[in-house]
Amino acid sequence: MYPVPGHLAYAVLGKRYFNIDWIPVIAGAMLPDLIDKPLDDIFHITPYGRYMMHSLLGMAVCVSLRIISLAGGSRFPILSAIWGI
């Protein structure tokens, strides 16, 4: 995983506007790279490092998790918002 300035900028904005701990914010912002980069660099499954989670499919997965979290009465609605964003 390479820390990408765009992902880190999302983490800073999430921290600023949602005012929660840094660890979930950085984890949520770096999630696409945590999934896509190893699939390319280590396992050689994908053609390049920005693939599944950097697409509309990845966005749909994150938004679906957000909706499920809200429907199930999540104890951590702010954290689910970060993952949805």
Protein backbone atom coordinates (compact mmCIF):
# COMPACT_ATOMS: atom_id res chain seq x y z
CA MET A 1 0.00 0.00 0.00
CA TYR A 2 1.27 3.40 -0.93
CA PRO A 3 -0.16 6.35 1.01
CA VAL A 4 -1.91 8.36 -1.67
CA PRO A 5 -2.45 12.09 -1.01
CA GLY A 6 -6.04 11.92 -2.25
CA HIS A 7 -6.97 9.21 0.22
CA LEU A 8 -5.22 11.02 3.05
CA ALA A 9 -7.10 14.20 2.12
CA TYR A 10 -10.37 12.31 2.59
CA ALA A 11 -9.13 11.22 6.01
CA VAL A 12 -8.37 14.80 7.01
CA LEU A 13 -11.77 15.99 5.80
CA GLY A 14 -13.51 13.14 7.62
CA LYS A 15 -11.68 13.99 10.81
CA ARG A 16 -12.48 17.66 10.43
CA TYR A 17 -16.21 17.36 9.69
CA PHE A 18 -17.14 14.28 11.72
CA ASN A 19 -14.74 14.90 14.64
CA ILE A 20 -13.98 11.26 15.46
CA ASP A 21 -10.78 9.32 16.11
CA TRP A 22 -8.08 9.19 13.46
CA ILE A 23 -7.84 5.39 13.23
CA PRO A 24 -11.31 4.68 11.73
CA VAL A 25 -11.03 7.71 9.47
CA ILE A 26 -7.68 6.66 8.04
CA ALA A 27 -8.82 3.03 7.76
CA GLY A 28 -11.91 4.10 5.82
CA ALA A 29 -9.93 6.38 3.54
CA MET A 30 -7.23 3.80 2.84
CA LEU A 31 -9.64 0.86 2.37
CA PRO A 32 -9.58 0.99 -1.45
CA ASP A 33 -5.78 0.77 -1.47
CA LEU A 34 -5.74 -1.90 1.23
CA ILE A 35 -7.79 -4.11 -1.07
CA ASP A 36 -6.64 -3.19 -4.58
CA LYS A 37 -2.87 -2.85 -4.15
CA PRO A 38 -2.23 -6.34 -2.69
CA LEU A 39 -4.40 -7.89 -5.41
CA ASP A 40 -2.02 -6.41 -7.97
CA ASP A 41 1.37 -6.32 -6.24
CA ILE A 42 1.29 -9.57 -4.29
CA PHE A 43 -1.27 -11.88 -5.89
CA HIS A 44 -1.12 -10.52 -9.47
CA ILE A 45 -4.87 -10.99 -9.87
CA THR A 46 -5.76 -7.56 -11.20
CA PRO A 47 -4.11 -5.75 -14.11
CA TYR A 48 -3.22 -2.65 -12.06
CA GLY A 49 -3.45 -1.24 -8.53
CA ARG A 50 -6.69 0.68 -8.95
CA TYR A 51 -9.28 -1.84 -9.81
CA MET A 52 -12.29 -3.17 -7.88
CA MET A 53 -12.53 -0.79 -4.91
CA HIS A 54 -11.65 2.24 -7.05
CA SER A 55 -14.77 1.72 -9.16
CA LEU A 56 -18.52 2.07 -8.97
CA LEU A 57 -18.66 -1.49 -7.63
CA GLY A 58 -16.51 -0.49 -4.66
CA MET A 59 -18.67 2.55 -4.06
CA ALA A 60 -21.79 0.37 -4.22
CA VAL A 61 -20.32 -2.02 -1.63
CA CYS A 62 -19.49 0.82 0.77
CA VAL A 63 -22.87 2.50 0.34
CA SER A 64 -24.64 -0.85 0.81
CA LEU A 65 -22.76 -1.39 4.05
CA ARG A 66 -23.83 2.08 5.14
CA ILE A 67 -27.50 1.37 4.40
CA ILE A 68 -27.37 -2.00 6.18
CA SER A 69 -25.69 -0.37 9.14
CA LEU A 70 -28.37 2.30 9.41
CA ALA A 71 -31.22 -0.16 8.90
CA GLY A 72 -29.85 -2.43 11.60
CA GLY A 73 -29.62 0.37 14.14
CA SER A 74 -25.86 0.65 14.25
CA ARG A 75 -24.32 1.75 17.53
CA PHE A 76 -21.75 3.71 15.54
CA PRO A 77 -23.60 5.76 12.90
CA ILE A 78 -20.69 8.17 12.43
CA LEU A 79 -18.28 5.32 11.68
CA SER A 80 -20.67 3.86 9.14
CA ALA A 81 -20.93 7.31 7.55
CA ILE A 82 -17.14 7.41 7.16
CA TRP A 83 -17.13 4.01 5.42
CA GLY A 84 -19.99 5.15 3.19
CA ILE A 85 -18.15 8.30 2.20
